[in-house]
Amino acid sequence: MDLHYYRKPKQQHLDGILFMFRGASTLSLDDKGRFAIPTKYRNQLLADNGGEIICTINLSDPCLLLYPLSEWQVIEQRLASLSNIKPRAKRMQRLLLGNAMDYQVDKNGRVLLAPHLRDYAQLGKKIVLVGQLNKFEIWDEARWQQQMQDDIAIELGQEFEQDEDLADFSF
């Protein structure tokens, strides 16, 4: 009799992306501004980066971006390569780097978000941690729900429009 054990496949890397964060988790933000990273992500963050993460503002949406340290270092290199003479590049550096905060996931898997970051994203007691392959977005729950409704309405309305980047993409 052959016994076959299920073995979780090794994580595949996608074009240099080490992490594969996906899905959305609704979490509680305590009175101190802390939230617990779900265990399935926490273990990977602790193993691969010693729990070091970086959080900054998202320039295109009212949410925060949370990166494992190794992924953030790639972003920093790209920001450093921009010319700080060009006004838009300088603003981008100022906003992303100026708001970036280094964090260490604590022994209980919690992260304490700085008040200025919580204020930027208008985070309430309930937040949503959204996997985006190599990073997370952190949304206020009500804003996330509204964003999802808006995004779905836009996508349904653009059913027949062509987008060059998505021309060959199907599910």
C-alpha atoms as a PDB file:
ATOM      1  CA  MET A   1       0.000   0.000   0.000  1.00  0.00           C
ATOM      2  CA  ASP A   2       1.469   3.308  -1.094  1.00  0.00           C
ATOM      3  CA  LEU A   3       1.043   6.254   1.207  1.00  0.00           C
ATOM      4  CA  HIS A   4       1.149   9.618  -0.486  1.00  0.00           C
ATOM      5  CA  TYR A   5       1.626  12.650   1.632  1.00  0.00           C
ATOM      6  CA  TYR A   6       0.478  16.041   0.526  1.00  0.00           C
ATOM      7  CA  ARG A   7       3.436  18.336   0.272  1.00  0.00           C
ATOM      8  CA  LYS A   8       2.823  22.036  -0.163  1.00  0.00           C
ATOM      9  CA  PRO A   9       4.480  23.134  -3.407  1.00  0.00           C
ATOM     10  CA  LYS A  10       7.433  25.460  -3.105  1.00  0.00           C
ATOM     11  CA  GLN A  11       6.558  29.052  -3.653  1.00  0.00           C
ATOM     12  CA  GLN A  12       7.116  30.068  -7.232  1.00  0.00           C
ATOM     13  CA  HIS A  13       8.734  33.412  -7.879  1.00  0.00           C
ATOM     14  CA  LEU A  14       7.010  35.662 -10.378  1.00  0.00           C
ATOM     15  CA  ASP A  15       9.371  37.960 -12.285  1.00  0.00           C
ATOM     16  CA  GLY A  16      11.580  38.567  -9.272  1.00  0.00           C
ATOM     17  CA  ILE A  17       8.731  38.852  -6.759  1.00  0.00           C
ATOM     18  CA  LEU A  18       9.726  36.905  -3.672  1.00  0.00           C
ATOM     19  CA  PHE A  19       6.424  37.225  -1.820  1.00  0.00           C
ATOM     20  CA  MET A  20       2.992  36.194  -2.969  1.00  0.00           C
ATOM     21  CA  PHE A  21       0.424  37.961  -0.848  1.00  0.00           C
ATOM     22  CA  ARG A  22      -3.152  37.549  -2.009  1.00  0.00           C
ATOM     23  CA  GLY A  23      -6.629  37.847  -0.580  1.00  0.00           C
ATOM     24  CA  ALA A  24      -8.244  40.346   1.756  1.00  0.00           C
ATOM     25  CA  SER A  25      -8.463  40.019   5.548  1.00  0.00           C
ATOM     26  CA  THR A  26     -10.668  42.176   7.767  1.00  0.00           C
ATOM     27  CA  LEU A  27      -8.796  42.992  10.969  1.00  0.00           C
ATOM     28  CA  SER A  28      -9.301  45.068  14.097  1.00  0.00           C
ATOM     29  CA  LEU A  29      -7.216  48.118  14.898  1.00  0.00           C
ATOM     30  CA  ASP A  30      -6.857  48.514  18.668  1.00  0.00           C
ATOM     31  CA  ASP A  31      -6.891  51.794  20.619  1.00  0.00           C
ATOM     32  CA  LYS A  32      -3.107  52.079  20.304  1.00  0.00           C
ATOM     33  CA  GLY A  33      -3.248  51.693  16.513  1.00  0.00           C
ATOM     34  CA  ARG A  34      -2.036  48.085  16.394  1.00  0.00           C
ATOM     35  CA  PHE A  35      -3.268  45.234  14.239  1.00  0.00           C
ATOM     36  CA  ALA A  36      -2.213  41.592  14.009  1.00  0.00           C
ATOM     37  CA  ILE A  37      -0.899  40.303  10.715  1.00  0.00           C
ATOM     38  CA  PRO A  38      -2.637  37.010   9.837  1.00  0.00           C
ATOM     39  CA  THR A  39      -0.520  33.962  10.676  1.00  0.00           C
ATOM     40  CA  LYS A  40      -0.204  32.775   7.068  1.00  0.00           C
ATOM     41  CA  TYR A  41       1.603  36.027   6.207  1.00  0.00           C
ATOM     42  CA  ARG A  42       3.306  36.564   9.550  1.00  0.00           C
ATOM     43  CA  ASN A  43       5.318  33.358   9.330  1.00  0.00           C
ATOM     44  CA  GLN A  44       6.624  34.262   5.887  1.00  0.00           C
ATOM     45  CA  LEU A  45       7.539  37.800   6.981  1.00  0.00           C
ATOM     46  CA  LEU A  46       9.362  36.499  10.045  1.00  0.00           C
ATOM     47  CA  ALA A  47      11.212  33.801   8.106  1.00  0.00           C
ATOM     48  CA  ASP A  48      12.282  35.903   5.143  1.00  0.00           C
ATOM     49  CA  ASN A  49      12.833  39.342   6.667  1.00  0.00           C
ATOM     50  CA  GLY A  50      13.017  38.771  10.405  1.00  0.00           C
ATOM     51  CA  GLY A  51       9.680  40.573  10.667  1.00  0.00           C
ATOM     52  CA  GLU A  52      11.044  43.860   9.315  1.00  0.00           C
ATOM     53  CA  ILE A  53       8.452  45.764   7.283  1.00  0.00           C
ATOM     54  CA  ILE A  54       7.981  49.263   5.892  1.00  0.00           C
ATOM     55  CA  CYS A  55       4.703  51.177   5.704  1.00  0.00           C
ATOM     56  CA  THR A  56       4.080  54.321   3.665  1.00  0.00           C
ATOM     57  CA  ILE A  57       1.237  56.167   1.978  1.00  0.00           C
ATOM     58  CA  ASN A  58      -0.261  55.167  -1.353  1.00  0.00           C
ATOM     59  CA  LEU A  59      -0.114  58.096  -3.776  1.00  0.00           C
ATOM     60  CA  SER A  60      -2.935  56.800  -5.970  1.00  0.00           C
ATOM     61  CA  ASP A  61      -5.500  55.577  -3.406  1.00  0.00           C
ATOM     62  CA  PRO A  62      -6.553  56.544   0.140  1.00  0.00           C
ATOM     63  CA  CYS A  63      -4.771  53.609   1.740  1.00  0.00           C
ATOM     64  CA  LEU A  64      -1.365  52.572   3.045  1.00  0.00           C
ATOM     65  CA  LEU A  65       1.247  50.307   1.488  1.00  0.00           C
ATOM     66  CA  LEU A  66       3.006  47.705   3.637  1.00  0.00           C
ATOM     67  CA  TYR A  67       6.166  46.103   2.227  1.00  0.00           C
ATOM     68  CA  PRO A  68       8.506  43.385   3.474  1.00  0.00           C
ATOM     69  CA  LEU A  69      11.891  45.067   3.939  1.00  0.00           C
ATOM     70  CA  SER A  70      13.489  43.286   0.962  1.00  0.00           C
ATOM     71  CA  GLU A  71      10.706  44.446  -1.370  1.00  0.00           C
ATOM     72  CA  TRP A  72      10.873  48.008  -0.026  1.00  0.00           C
ATOM     73  CA  GLN A  73      14.612  48.112  -0.720  1.00  0.00           C
ATOM     74  CA  VAL A  74      13.823  47.576  -4.413  1.00  0.00           C
ATOM     75  CA  ILE A  75      11.421  50.551  -4.286  1.00  0.00           C
ATOM     76  CA  GLU A  76      14.059  52.670  -2.540  1.00  0.00           C
ATOM     77  CA  GLN A  77      16.602  51.858  -5.241  1.00  0.00           C
ATOM     78  CA  ARG A  78      14.119  52.923  -7.908  1.00  0.00           C
ATOM     79  CA  LEU A  79      13.344  56.142  -6.020  1.00  0.00           C
ATOM     80  CA  ALA A  80      17.053  56.866  -5.579  1.00  0.00           C
ATOM     81  CA  SER A  81      17.578  56.541  -9.332  1.00  0.00           C
ATOM     82  CA  LEU A  82      15.051  59.308 -10.045  1.00  0.00           C
ATOM     83  CA  SER A  83      16.329  62.792 -10.708  1.00  0.00           C
ATOM     84  CA  ASN A  84      15.549  65.016  -7.743  1.00  0.00           C
ATOM     85  CA  ILE A  85      15.719  67.987 -10.101  1.00  0.00           C
ATOM     86  CA  LYS A  86      12.424  67.028 -11.745  1.00  0.00           C
ATOM     87  CA  PRO A  87       9.513  68.346  -9.640  1.00  0.00           C
ATOM     88  CA  ARG A  88       7.320  65.235  -9.942  1.00  0.00           C
ATOM     89  CA  ALA A  89      10.157  62.858  -9.032  1.00  0.00           C
ATOM     90  CA  LYS A  90      11.103  65.071  -6.094  1.00  0.00           C
ATOM     91  CA  ARG A  91       7.488  65.106  -4.833  1.00  0.00           C
ATOM     92  CA  MET A  92       7.297  61.341  -5.167  1.00  0.00           C
ATOM     93  CA  GLN A  93      10.501  60.856  -3.181  1.00  0.00           C
ATOM     94  CA  ARG A  94       9.367  63.334  -0.539  1.00  0.00           C
ATOM     95  CA  LEU A  95       5.943  61.751  -0.100  1.00  0.00           C
ATOM     96  CA  LEU A  96       6.912  58.079  -0.224  1.00  0.00           C
ATOM     97  CA  LEU A  97      10.186  58.287   1.688  1.00  0.00           C
ATOM     98  CA  GLY A  98       9.080  61.059   4.036  1.00  0.00           C
ATOM     99  CA  ASN A  99       6.079  59.026   5.174  1.00  0.00           C
ATOM    100  CA  ALA A 100       7.824  55.642   5.255  1.00  0.00           C
ATOM    101  CA  MET A 101       8.039  54.051   8.689  1.00  0.00           C
ATOM    102  CA  ASP A 102      10.161  51.045   9.661  1.00  0.00           C
ATOM    103  CA  TYR A 103       8.404  48.460  11.787  1.00  0.00           C
ATOM    104  CA  GLN A 104       9.241  45.182  13.447  1.00  0.00           C
ATOM    105  CA  VAL A 105       6.424  42.653  13.749  1.00  0.00           C
ATOM    106  CA  ASP A 106       6.195  41.948  17.498  1.00  0.00           C
ATOM    107  CA  LYS A 107       6.100  38.489  19.106  1.00  0.00           C
ATOM    108  CA  ASN A 108       2.295  38.455  18.818  1.00  0.00           C
ATOM    109  CA  GLY A 109       2.398  39.354  15.133  1.00  0.00           C
ATOM    110  CA  ARG A 110       1.249  42.916  15.738  1.00  0.00           C
ATOM    111  CA  VAL A 111       2.241  46.122  14.005  1.00  0.00           C
ATOM    112  CA  LEU A 112       1.770  49.579  15.520  1.00  0.00           C
ATOM    113  CA  LEU A 113       0.859  52.118  12.829  1.00  0.00           C
ATOM    114  CA  ALA A 114       2.025  55.703  13.333  1.00  0.00           C
ATOM    115  CA  PRO A 115      -0.770  58.260  13.854  1.00  0.00           C
ATOM    116  CA  HIS A 116       0.096  60.200  10.681  1.00  0.00           C
ATOM    117  CA  LEU A 117      -0.308  57.023   8.609  1.00  0.00           C
ATOM    118  CA  ARG A 118      -3.611  56.127  10.274  1.00  0.00           C
ATOM    119  CA  ASP A 119      -4.821  59.679   9.638  1.00  0.00           C
ATOM    120  CA  TYR A 120      -3.774  59.634   5.981  1.00  0.00           C
ATOM    121  CA  ALA A 121      -5.812  56.483   5.282  1.00  0.00           C
ATOM    122  CA  GLN A 122      -8.581  57.544   7.707  1.00  0.00           C
ATOM    123  CA  LEU A 123      -8.399  54.167   9.414  1.00  0.00           C
ATOM    124  CA  GLY A 124     -11.177  53.291  11.832  1.00  0.00           C
ATOM    125  CA  LYS A 125     -11.512  50.298  14.149  1.00  0.00           C
ATOM    126  CA  LYS A 126     -11.919  47.850  11.256  1.00  0.00           C
ATOM    127  CA  ILE A 127      -9.298  47.667   8.538  1.00  0.00           C
ATOM    128  CA  VAL A 128      -8.731  45.451   5.520  1.00  0.00           C
ATOM    129  CA  LEU A 129      -5.311  44.024   4.671  1.00  0.00           C
ATOM    130  CA  VAL A 130      -5.270  43.384   0.914  1.00  0.00           C
ATOM    131  CA  GLY A 131      -2.583  41.211  -0.665  1.00  0.00           C
ATOM    132  CA  GLN A 132      -1.004  42.706  -3.790  1.00  0.00           C
ATOM    133  CA  LEU A 133       1.611  40.051  -4.629  1.00  0.00           C
ATOM    134  CA  ASN A 134       4.741  41.687  -3.156  1.00  0.00           C
ATOM    135  CA  LYS A 135       3.028  44.078  -0.729  1.00  0.00           C
ATOM    136  CA  PHE A 136      -0.194  44.784   1.129  1.00  0.00           C
ATOM    137  CA  GLU A 137      -2.630  47.646   0.967  1.00  0.00           C
ATOM    138  CA  ILE A 138      -4.201  48.707   4.270  1.00  0.00           C
ATOM    139  CA  TRP A 139      -7.683  50.211   3.935  1.00  0.00           C
ATOM    140  CA  ASP A 140     -10.365  51.435   6.272  1.00  0.00           C
ATOM    141  CA  GLU A 141     -13.082  48.774   5.950  1.00  0.00           C
ATOM    142  CA  ALA A 142     -15.847  51.146   4.787  1.00  0.00           C
ATOM    143  CA  ARG A 143     -13.560  52.816   2.241  1.00  0.00           C
ATOM    144  CA  TRP A 144     -12.462  49.391   0.976  1.00  0.00           C
ATOM    145  CA  GLN A 145     -16.068  48.297   0.462  1.00  0.00           C
ATOM    146  CA  GLN A 146     -16.807  51.509  -1.442  1.00  0.00           C
ATOM    147  CA  GLN A 147     -13.647  51.151  -3.530  1.00  0.00           C
ATOM    148  CA  MET A 148     -14.630  47.597  -4.448  1.00  0.00           C
ATOM    149  CA  GLN A 149     -18.100  48.728  -5.552  1.00  0.00           C
ATOM    150  CA  ASP A 150     -16.604  51.577  -7.590  1.00  0.00           C
ATOM    151  CA  ASP A 151     -13.987  49.323  -9.207  1.00  0.00           C
ATOM    152  CA  ILE A 152     -16.573  46.689 -10.144  1.00  0.00           C
ATOM    153  CA  ALA A 153     -18.889  49.323 -11.638  1.00  0.00           C
ATOM    154  CA  ILE A 154     -16.030  50.761 -13.699  1.00  0.00           C
ATOM    155  CA  GLU A 155     -14.891  47.350 -14.955  1.00  0.00           C
ATOM    156  CA  LEU A 156     -18.418  46.278 -15.883  1.00  0.00           C
ATOM    157  CA  GLY A 157     -18.888  49.547 -17.770  1.00  0.00           C
ATOM    158  CA  GLN A 158     -15.665  49.065 -19.731  1.00  0.00           C
ATOM    159  CA  GLU A 159     -16.459  45.571 -20.887  1.00  0.00           C
ATOM    160  CA  PHE A 160     -15.806  46.297 -24.563  1.00  0.00           C
ATOM    161  CA  GLU A 161     -12.961  48.780 -24.243  1.00  0.00           C
ATOM    162  CA  GLN A 162      -9.524  47.616 -25.285  1.00  0.00           C
ATOM    163  CA  ASP A 163      -6.517  48.034 -23.045  1.00  0.00           C
ATOM    164  CA  GLU A 164      -3.249  47.081 -24.695  1.00  0.00           C
ATOM    165  CA  ASP A 165      -1.789  45.654 -21.461  1.00  0.00           C
ATOM    166  CA  LEU A 166      -4.837  43.447 -20.915  1.00  0.00           C
ATOM    167  CA  ALA A 167      -5.534  42.403 -24.513  1.00  0.00           C
ATOM    168  CA  ASP A 168      -4.366  38.808 -23.994  1.00  0.00           C
ATOM    169  CA  PHE A 169      -5.446  38.487 -20.369  1.00  0.00           C
ATOM    170  CA  SER A 170      -8.258  36.082 -19.564  1.00  0.00           C
ATOM    171  CA  PHE A 171      -9.409  34.135 -16.525  1.00  0.00           C
END
